[in-house]
Amino acid sequence: QAEKNKAEIKEVFKDLNSQLEHSTKGKLSIKV
């Protein structure tokens, strides 16, 4: 379950960065 949770958290940040890359033309990246 911990592995699933951690993968889900990584996926949220991946989705966030995908949207940020599109809206900022690659000028913004966010991560832990």
PDB file of all heavy atoms in Angstrom:
ATOM      1  N   GLN A   1       0.830  -1.206   0.000  1.00  0.00           N
ATOM      2  CA  GLN A   1       0.000   0.000   0.000  1.00  0.00           C
ATOM      3  C   GLN A   1       0.865   1.257   0.000  1.00  0.00           C
ATOM      4  O   GLN A   1       0.554   2.237  -0.691  1.00  0.00           O
ATOM      5  CB  GLN A   1      -0.956   0.019   1.198  1.00  0.00           C
ATOM      6  CG  GLN A   1      -1.933   1.171   1.190  1.00  0.00           C
ATOM      7  CD  GLN A   1      -2.834   1.178  -0.037  1.00  0.00           C
ATOM      8  OE1 GLN A   1      -3.431   0.159  -0.388  1.00  0.00           O
ATOM      9  NE2 GLN A   1      -2.940   2.315  -0.705  1.00  0.00           N
ATOM     10  N   ALA A   2       1.959   1.233   0.740  1.00  0.00           N
ATOM     11  CA  ALA A   2       2.874   2.378   0.768  1.00  0.00           C
ATOM     12  C   ALA A   2       3.441   2.636  -0.624  1.00  0.00           C
ATOM     13  O   ALA A   2       3.529   3.794  -1.056  1.00  0.00           O
ATOM     14  CB  ALA A   2       4.002   2.132   1.773  1.00  0.00           C
ATOM     15  N   GLU A   3       3.820   1.592  -1.334  1.00  0.00           N
ATOM     16  CA  GLU A   3       4.341   1.755  -2.699  1.00  0.00           C
ATOM     17  C   GLU A   3       3.285   2.358  -3.619  1.00  0.00           C
ATOM     18  O   GLU A   3       3.586   3.225  -4.438  1.00  0.00           O
ATOM     19  CB  GLU A   3       4.844   0.421  -3.253  1.00  0.00           C
ATOM     20  CG  GLU A   3       6.129  -0.047  -2.604  1.00  0.00           C
ATOM     21  CD  GLU A   3       7.262   0.955  -2.740  1.00  0.00           C
ATOM     22  OE1 GLU A   3       7.518   1.448  -3.848  1.00  0.00           O
ATOM     23  OE2 GLU A   3       7.899   1.257  -1.704  1.00  0.00           O
ATOM     24  N   LYS A   4       2.042   1.915  -3.485  1.00  0.00           N
ATOM     25  CA  LYS A   4       0.946   2.479  -4.290  1.00  0.00           C
ATOM     26  C   LYS A   4       0.756   3.962  -3.967  1.00  0.00           C
ATOM     27  O   LYS A   4       0.579   4.784  -4.861  1.00  0.00           O
ATOM     28  CB  LYS A   4      -0.358   1.723  -4.035  1.00  0.00           C
ATOM     29  CG  LYS A   4      -0.422   0.359  -4.655  1.00  0.00           C
ATOM     30  CD  LYS A   4      -1.757  -0.310  -4.338  1.00  0.00           C
ATOM     31  CE  LYS A   4      -1.792  -1.732  -4.843  1.00  0.00           C
ATOM     32  NZ  LYS A   4      -3.051  -2.425  -4.478  1.00  0.00           N
ATOM     33  N   ASN A   5       0.774   4.291  -2.677  1.00  0.00           N
ATOM     34  CA  ASN A   5       0.601   5.682  -2.262  1.00  0.00           C
ATOM     35  C   ASN A   5       1.713   6.566  -2.814  1.00  0.00           C
ATOM     36  O   ASN A   5       1.461   7.658  -3.334  1.00  0.00           O
ATOM     37  CB  ASN A   5       0.576   5.791  -0.734  1.00  0.00           C
ATOM     38  CG  ASN A   5      -0.659   5.185  -0.116  1.00  0.00           C
ATOM     39  OD1 ASN A   5      -1.649   4.917  -0.786  1.00  0.00           O
ATOM     40  ND2 ASN A   5      -0.592   4.917   1.177  1.00  0.00           N
ATOM     41  N   LYS A   6       2.964   6.104  -2.694  1.00  0.00           N
ATOM     42  CA  LYS A   6       4.104   6.884  -3.179  1.00  0.00           C
ATOM     43  C   LYS A   6       4.048   7.056  -4.690  1.00  0.00           C
ATOM     44  O   LYS A   6       4.360   8.136  -5.209  1.00  0.00           O
ATOM     45  CB  LYS A   6       5.413   6.237  -2.748  1.00  0.00           C
ATOM     46  CG  LYS A   6       5.642   6.316  -1.253  1.00  0.00           C
ATOM     47  CD  LYS A   6       6.856   5.513  -0.835  1.00  0.00           C
ATOM     48  CE  LYS A   6       6.993   5.453   0.676  1.00  0.00           C
ATOM     49  NZ  LYS A   6       8.120   4.599   1.082  1.00  0.00           N
ATOM     50  N   ALA A   7       3.631   6.020  -5.406  1.00  0.00           N
ATOM     51  CA  ALA A   7       3.487   6.123  -6.865  1.00  0.00           C
ATOM     52  C   ALA A   7       2.390   7.123  -7.221  1.00  0.00           C
ATOM     53  O   ALA A   7       2.524   7.894  -8.171  1.00  0.00           O
ATOM     54  CB  ALA A   7       3.179   4.752  -7.464  1.00  0.00           C
ATOM     55  N   GLU A   8       1.320   7.131  -6.438  1.00  0.00           N
ATOM     56  CA  GLU A   8       0.221   8.070  -6.669  1.00  0.00           C
ATOM     57  C   GLU A   8       0.687   9.509  -6.451  1.00  0.00           C
ATOM     58  O   GLU A   8       0.356  10.405  -7.240  1.00  0.00           O
ATOM     59  CB  GLU A   8      -0.937   7.735  -5.729  1.00  0.00           C
ATOM     60  CG  GLU A   8      -2.151   8.623  -5.908  1.00  0.00           C
ATOM     61  CD  GLU A   8      -3.293   8.147  -5.045  1.00  0.00           C
ATOM     62  OE1 GLU A   8      -3.374   8.587  -3.870  1.00  0.00           O
ATOM     63  OE2 GLU A   8      -4.109   7.344  -5.545  1.00  0.00           O
ATOM     64  N   ILE A   9       1.467   9.738  -5.421  1.00  0.00           N
ATOM     65  CA  ILE A   9       1.994  11.074  -5.147  1.00  0.00           C
ATOM     66  C   ILE A   9       2.901  11.529  -6.286  1.00  0.00           C
ATOM     67  O   ILE A   9       2.801  12.666  -6.758  1.00  0.00           O
ATOM     68  CB  ILE A   9       2.716  11.100  -3.778  1.00  0.00           C
ATOM     69  CG1 ILE A   9       1.681  10.936  -2.652  1.00  0.00           C
ATOM     70  CG2 ILE A   9       3.522  12.379  -3.597  1.00  0.00           C
ATOM     71  CD1 ILE A   9       2.272  10.621  -1.294  1.00  0.00           C
ATOM     72  N   LYS A  10       3.755  10.642  -6.764  1.00  0.00           N
ATOM     73  CA  LYS A  10       4.616  10.971  -7.909  1.00  0.00           C
ATOM     74  C   LYS A  10       3.780  11.296  -9.139  1.00  0.00           C
ATOM     75  O   LYS A  10       4.109  12.206  -9.905  1.00  0.00           O
ATOM     76  CB  LYS A  10       5.562   9.813  -8.223  1.00  0.00           C
ATOM     77  CG  LYS A  10       6.700   9.686  -7.255  1.00  0.00           C
ATOM     78  CD  LYS A  10       7.635   8.547  -7.643  1.00  0.00           C
ATOM     79  CE  LYS A  10       8.745   8.394  -6.633  1.00  0.00           C
ATOM     80  NZ  LYS A  10       9.651   7.288  -6.967  1.00  0.00           N
ATOM     81  N   GLU A  11       2.701  10.576  -9.333  1.00  0.00           N
ATOM     82  CA  GLU A  11       1.821  10.817 -10.476  1.00  0.00           C
ATOM     83  C   GLU A  11       1.161  12.191 -10.379  1.00  0.00           C
ATOM     84  O   GLU A  11       1.004  12.880 -11.392  1.00  0.00           O
ATOM     85  CB  GLU A  11       0.758   9.720 -10.551  1.00  0.00           C
ATOM     86  CG  GLU A  11      -0.061   9.758 -11.815  1.00  0.00           C
ATOM     87  CD  GLU A  11      -1.045   8.601 -11.889  1.00  0.00           C
ATOM     88  OE1 GLU A  11      -0.644   7.461 -11.600  1.00  0.00           O
ATOM     89  OE2 GLU A  11      -2.212   8.868 -12.232  1.00  0.00           O
ATOM     90  N   VAL A  12       0.779  12.606  -9.177  1.00  0.00           N
ATOM     91  CA  VAL A  12       0.187  13.934  -8.997  1.00  0.00           C
ATOM     92  C   VAL A  12       1.191  15.010  -9.418  1.00  0.00           C
ATOM     93  O   VAL A  12       0.846  15.947 -10.143  1.00  0.00           O
ATOM     94  CB  VAL A  12      -0.282  14.143  -7.537  1.00  0.00           C
ATOM     95  CG1 VAL A  12      -0.650  15.603  -7.286  1.00  0.00           C
ATOM     96  CG2 VAL A  12      -1.462  13.236  -7.219  1.00  0.00           C
ATOM     97  N   PHE A  13       2.441  14.875  -8.984  1.00  0.00           N
ATOM     98  CA  PHE A  13       3.461  15.856  -9.375  1.00  0.00           C
ATOM     99  C   PHE A  13       3.761  15.785 -10.871  1.00  0.00           C
ATOM    100  O   PHE A  13       4.013  16.812 -11.498  1.00  0.00           O
ATOM    101  CB  PHE A  13       4.736  15.674  -8.538  1.00  0.00           C
ATOM    102  CG  PHE A  13       4.655  16.337  -7.194  1.00  0.00           C
ATOM    103  CD1 PHE A  13       4.190  15.644  -6.086  1.00  0.00           C
ATOM    104  CD2 PHE A  13       5.009  17.667  -7.039  1.00  0.00           C
ATOM    105  CE1 PHE A  13       4.100  16.254  -4.848  1.00  0.00           C
ATOM    106  CE2 PHE A  13       4.926  18.303  -5.806  1.00  0.00           C
ATOM    107  CZ  PHE A  13       4.463  17.585  -4.705  1.00  0.00           C
ATOM    108  N   LYS A  14       3.689  14.594 -11.446  1.00  0.00           N
ATOM    109  CA  LYS A  14       3.885  14.457 -12.892  1.00  0.00           C
ATOM    110  C   LYS A  14       2.767  15.188 -13.645  1.00  0.00           C
ATOM    111  O   LYS A  14       3.024  15.914 -14.606  1.00  0.00           O
ATOM    112  CB  LYS A  14       3.922  12.983 -13.279  1.00  0.00           C
ATOM    113  CG  LYS A  14       4.182  12.733 -14.737  1.00  0.00           C
ATOM    114  CD  LYS A  14       4.218  11.247 -15.049  1.00  0.00           C
ATOM    115  CE  LYS A  14       4.379  11.035 -16.539  1.00  0.00           C
ATOM    116  NZ  LYS A  14       4.290   9.612 -16.889  1.00  0.00           N
ATOM    117  N   ASP A  15       1.526  15.013 -13.199  1.00  0.00           N
ATOM    118  CA  ASP A  15       0.393  15.722 -13.812  1.00  0.00           C
ATOM    119  C   ASP A  15       0.536  17.232 -13.658  1.00  0.00           C
ATOM    120  O   ASP A  15       0.283  17.990 -14.590  1.00  0.00           O
ATOM    121  CB  ASP A  15      -0.933  15.265 -13.197  1.00  0.00           C
ATOM    122  CG  ASP A  15      -1.294  13.826 -13.525  1.00  0.00           C
ATOM    123  OD1 ASP A  15      -0.663  13.233 -14.435  1.00  0.00           O
ATOM    124  OD2 ASP A  15      -2.199  13.282 -12.855  1.00  0.00           O
ATOM    125  N   LEU A  16       0.928  17.660 -12.460  1.00  0.00           N
ATOM    126  CA  LEU A  16       1.147  19.084 -12.201  1.00  0.00           C
ATOM    127  C   LEU A  16       2.167  19.648 -13.180  1.00  0.00           C
ATOM    128  O   LEU A  16       1.939  20.669 -13.831  1.00  0.00           O
ATOM    129  CB  LEU A  16       1.634  19.281 -10.761  1.00  0.00           C
ATOM    130  CG  LEU A  16       2.208  20.646 -10.383  1.00  0.00           C
ATOM    131  CD1 LEU A  16       1.142  21.719 -10.437  1.00  0.00           C
ATOM    132  CD2 LEU A  16       2.839  20.583  -9.000  1.00  0.00           C
ATOM    133  N   ASN A  17       3.295  18.972 -13.327  1.00  0.00           N
ATOM    134  CA  ASN A  17       4.357  19.468 -14.197  1.00  0.00           C
ATOM    135  C   ASN A  17       3.982  19.414 -15.666  1.00  0.00           C
ATOM    136  O   ASN A  17       4.412  20.264 -16.441  1.00  0.00           O
ATOM    137  CB  ASN A  17       5.665  18.730 -13.917  1.00  0.00           C
ATOM    138  CG  ASN A  17       6.327  19.282 -12.692  1.00  0.00           C
ATOM    139  OD1 ASN A  17       6.636  20.457 -12.613  1.00  0.00           O
ATOM    140  ND2 ASN A  17       6.523  18.438 -11.691  1.00  0.00           N
ATOM    141  N   SER A  18       3.183  18.455 -16.045  1.00  0.00           N
ATOM    142  CA  SER A  18       2.713  18.392 -17.427  1.00  0.00           C
ATOM    143  C   SER A  18       1.879  19.627 -17.754  1.00  0.00           C
ATOM    144  O   SER A  18       2.049  20.249 -18.806  1.00  0.00           O
ATOM    145  CB  SER A  18       1.890  17.117 -17.626  1.00  0.00           C
ATOM    146  OG  SER A  18       1.351  17.073 -18.916  1.00  0.00           O
ATOM    147  N   GLN A  19       0.994  19.995 -16.843  1.00  0.00           N
ATOM    148  CA  GLN A  19       0.164  21.187 -17.057  1.00  0.00           C
ATOM    149  C   GLN A  19       1.000  22.460 -16.997  1.00  0.00           C
ATOM    150  O   GLN A  19       0.781  23.383 -17.789  1.00  0.00           O
ATOM    151  CB  GLN A  19      -0.962  21.229 -16.036  1.00  0.00           C
ATOM    152  CG  GLN A  19      -2.003  20.145 -16.262  1.00  0.00           C
ATOM    153  CD  GLN A  19      -3.161  20.252 -15.293  1.00  0.00           C
ATOM    154  OE1 GLN A  19      -3.612  21.356 -14.966  1.00  0.00           O
ATOM    155  NE2 GLN A  19      -3.656  19.114 -14.833  1.00  0.00           N
ATOM    156  N   LEU A  20       1.948  22.513 -16.059  1.00  0.00           N
ATOM    157  CA  LEU A  20       2.799  23.698 -15.957  1.00  0.00           C
ATOM    158  C   LEU A  20       3.666  23.862 -17.193  1.00  0.00           C
ATOM    159  O   LEU A  20       3.875  24.974 -17.668  1.00  0.00           O
ATOM    160  CB  LEU A  20       3.682  23.613 -14.712  1.00  0.00           C
ATOM    161  CG  LEU A  20       2.996  23.703 -13.362  1.00  0.00           C
ATOM    162  CD1 LEU A  20       4.002  23.516 -12.244  1.00  0.00           C
ATOM    163  CD2 LEU A  20       2.250  25.015 -13.215  1.00  0.00           C
ATOM    164  N   GLU A  21       4.187  22.761 -17.712  1.00  0.00           N
ATOM    165  CA  GLU A  21       5.023  22.831 -18.912  1.00  0.00           C
ATOM    166  C   GLU A  21       4.223  23.408 -20.077  1.00  0.00           C
ATOM    167  O   GLU A  21       4.712  24.265 -20.806  1.00  0.00           O
ATOM    168  CB  GLU A  21       5.550  21.445 -19.282  1.00  0.00           C
ATOM    169  CG  GLU A  21       6.468  21.491 -20.475  1.00  0.00           C
ATOM    170  CD  GLU A  21       7.067  20.133 -20.809  1.00  0.00           C
ATOM    171  OE1 GLU A  21       6.856  19.170 -20.056  1.00  0.00           O
ATOM    172  OE2 GLU A  21       7.733  20.046 -21.848  1.00  0.00           O
ATOM    173  N   HIS A  22       2.996  22.973 -20.197  1.00  0.00           N
ATOM    174  CA  HIS A  22       2.139  23.475 -21.275  1.00  0.00           C
ATOM    175  C   HIS A  22       1.810  24.958 -21.087  1.00  0.00           C
ATOM    176  O   HIS A  22       1.919  25.748 -22.022  1.00  0.00           O
ATOM    177  CB  HIS A  22       0.855  22.642 -21.349  1.00  0.00           C
ATOM    178  CG  HIS A  22      -0.108  23.129 -22.369  1.00  0.00           C
ATOM    179  ND1 HIS A  22       0.100  22.977 -23.720  1.00  0.00           N
ATOM    180  CD2 HIS A  22      -1.277  23.792 -22.237  1.00  0.00           C
ATOM    181  CE1 HIS A  22      -0.906  23.529 -24.384  1.00  0.00           C
ATOM    182  NE2 HIS A  22      -1.754  24.023 -23.503  1.00  0.00           N
ATOM    183  N   SER A  23       1.431  25.333 -19.873  1.00  0.00           N
ATOM    184  CA  SER A  23       0.978  26.718 -19.658  1.00  0.00           C
ATOM    185  C   SER A  23       2.118  27.723 -19.552  1.00  0.00           C
ATOM    186  O   SER A  23       1.884  28.917 -19.723  1.00  0.00           O
ATOM    187  CB  SER A  23       0.074  26.801 -18.429  1.00  0.00           C
ATOM    188  OG  SER A  23       0.766  26.410 -17.279  1.00  0.00           O
ATOM    189  N   THR A  24       3.345  27.272 -19.269  1.00  0.00           N
ATOM    190  CA  THR A  24       4.469  28.204 -19.152  1.00  0.00           C
ATOM    191  C   THR A  24       5.512  27.995 -20.255  1.00  0.00           C
ATOM    192  O   THR A  24       6.608  28.553 -20.172  1.00  0.00           O
ATOM    193  CB  THR A  24       5.175  28.067 -17.787  1.00  0.00           C
ATOM    194  OG1 THR A  24       5.778  26.773 -17.701  1.00  0.00           O
ATOM    195  CG2 THR A  24       4.211  28.283 -16.640  1.00  0.00           C
ATOM    196  N   LYS A  25       5.176  27.189 -21.231  1.00  0.00           N
ATOM    197  CA  LYS A  25       6.102  26.878 -22.333  1.00  0.00           C
ATOM    198  C   LYS A  25       7.425  26.317 -21.804  1.00  0.00           C
ATOM    199  O   LYS A  25       8.507  26.685 -22.255  1.00  0.00           O
ATOM    200  CB  LYS A  25       6.329  28.087 -23.214  1.00  0.00           C
ATOM    201  CG  LYS A  25       5.055  28.565 -23.881  1.00  0.00           C
ATOM    202  CD  LYS A  25       5.293  29.749 -24.787  1.00  0.00           C
ATOM    203  CE  LYS A  25       4.015  30.063 -25.516  1.00  0.00           C
ATOM    204  NZ  LYS A  25       3.332  31.227 -25.105  1.00  0.00           N
ATOM    205  N   GLY A  26       7.324  25.443 -20.811  1.00  0.00           N
ATOM    206  CA  GLY A  26       8.496  24.768 -20.273  1.00  0.00           C
ATOM    207  C   GLY A  26       9.334  25.582 -19.316  1.00  0.00           C
ATOM    208  O   GLY A  26      10.449  25.194 -18.990  1.00  0.00           O
ATOM    209  N   LYS A  27       8.798  26.696 -18.819  1.00  0.00           N
ATOM    210  CA  LYS A  27       9.588  27.568 -17.946  1.00  0.00           C
ATOM    211  C   LYS A  27       9.320  27.364 -16.462  1.00  0.00           C
ATOM    212  O   LYS A  27       9.732  28.175 -15.642  1.00  0.00           O
ATOM    213  CB  LYS A  27       9.336  29.038 -18.312  1.00  0.00           C
ATOM    214  CG  LYS A  27       9.923  29.422 -19.651  1.00  0.00           C
ATOM    215  CD  LYS A  27       9.835  30.908 -19.839  1.00  0.00           C
ATOM    216  CE  LYS A  27      10.680  31.329 -21.023  1.00  0.00           C
ATOM    217  NZ  LYS A  27      10.980  32.741 -20.991  1.00  0.00           N
ATOM    218  N   LEU A  28       8.636  26.278 -16.106  1.00  0.00           N
ATOM    219  CA  LEU A  28       8.373  26.046 -14.689  1.00  0.00           C
ATOM    220  C   LEU A  28       8.255  24.559 -14.418  1.00  0.00           C
ATOM    221  O   LEU A  28       7.571  23.832 -15.127  1.00  0.00           O
ATOM    222  CB  LEU A  28       7.079  26.754 -14.266  1.00  0.00           C
ATOM    223  CG  LEU A  28       6.805  26.844 -12.778  1.00  0.00           C
ATOM    224  CD1 LEU A  28       7.913  27.581 -12.043  1.00  0.00           C
ATOM    225  CD2 LEU A  28       5.481  27.531 -12.530  1.00  0.00           C
ATOM    226  N   SER A  29       8.950  24.147 -13.370  1.00  0.00           N
ATOM    227  CA  SER A  29       8.926  22.763 -12.919  1.00  0.00           C
ATOM    228  C   SER A  29       8.880  22.771 -11.394  1.00  0.00           C
ATOM    229  O   SER A  29       9.585  23.550 -10.754  1.00  0.00           O
ATOM    230  CB  SER A  29      10.191  22.047 -13.413  1.00  0.00           C
ATOM    231  OG  SER A  29      10.301  20.786 -12.835  1.00  0.00           O
ATOM    232  N   ILE A  30       8.049  21.888 -10.827  1.00  0.00           N
ATOM    233  CA  ILE A  30       7.885  21.821  -9.375  1.00  0.00           C
ATOM    234  C   ILE A  30       8.068  20.384  -8.927  1.00  0.00           C
ATOM    235  O   ILE A  30       7.533  19.468  -9.545  1.00  0.00           O
ATOM    236  CB  ILE A  30       6.489  22.347  -8.957  1.00  0.00           C
ATOM    237  CG1 ILE A  30       6.382  23.841  -9.260  1.00  0.00           C
ATOM    238  CG2 ILE A  30       6.208  22.065  -7.489  1.00  0.00           C
ATOM    239  CD1 ILE A  30       5.031  24.445  -8.950  1.00  0.00           C
ATOM    240  N   LYS A  31       8.842  20.215  -7.850  1.00  0.00           N
ATOM    241  CA  LYS A  31       9.015  18.865  -7.315  1.00  0.00           C
ATOM    242  C   LYS A  31       9.404  18.924  -5.844  1.00  0.00           C
ATOM    243  O   LYS A  31       9.740  19.986  -5.323  1.00  0.00           O
ATOM    244  CB  LYS A  31      10.061  18.096  -8.111  1.00  0.00           C
ATOM    245  CG  LYS A  31      11.487  18.517  -7.872  1.00  0.00           C
ATOM    246  CD  LYS A  31      12.442  17.596  -8.638  1.00  0.00           C
ATOM    247  CE  LYS A  31      13.837  17.679  -8.090  1.00  0.00           C
ATOM    248  NZ  LYS A  31      14.715  16.676  -8.670  1.00  0.00           N
ATOM    249  N   VAL A  32       9.345  17.764  -5.212  1.00  0.00           N
ATOM    250  CA  VAL A  32       9.800  17.636  -3.833  1.00  0.00           C
ATOM    251  C   VAL A  32      11.319  17.513  -3.872  1.00  0.00           C
ATOM    252  O   VAL A  32      11.868  16.700  -4.615  1.00  0.00           O
ATOM    253  CB  VAL A  32       9.164  16.413  -3.150  1.00  0.00           C
ATOM    254  CG1 VAL A  32       9.733  16.217  -1.765  1.00  0.00           C
ATOM    255  CG2 VAL A  32       7.648  16.559  -3.097  1.00  0.00           C
TER     256      VAL A  32
END
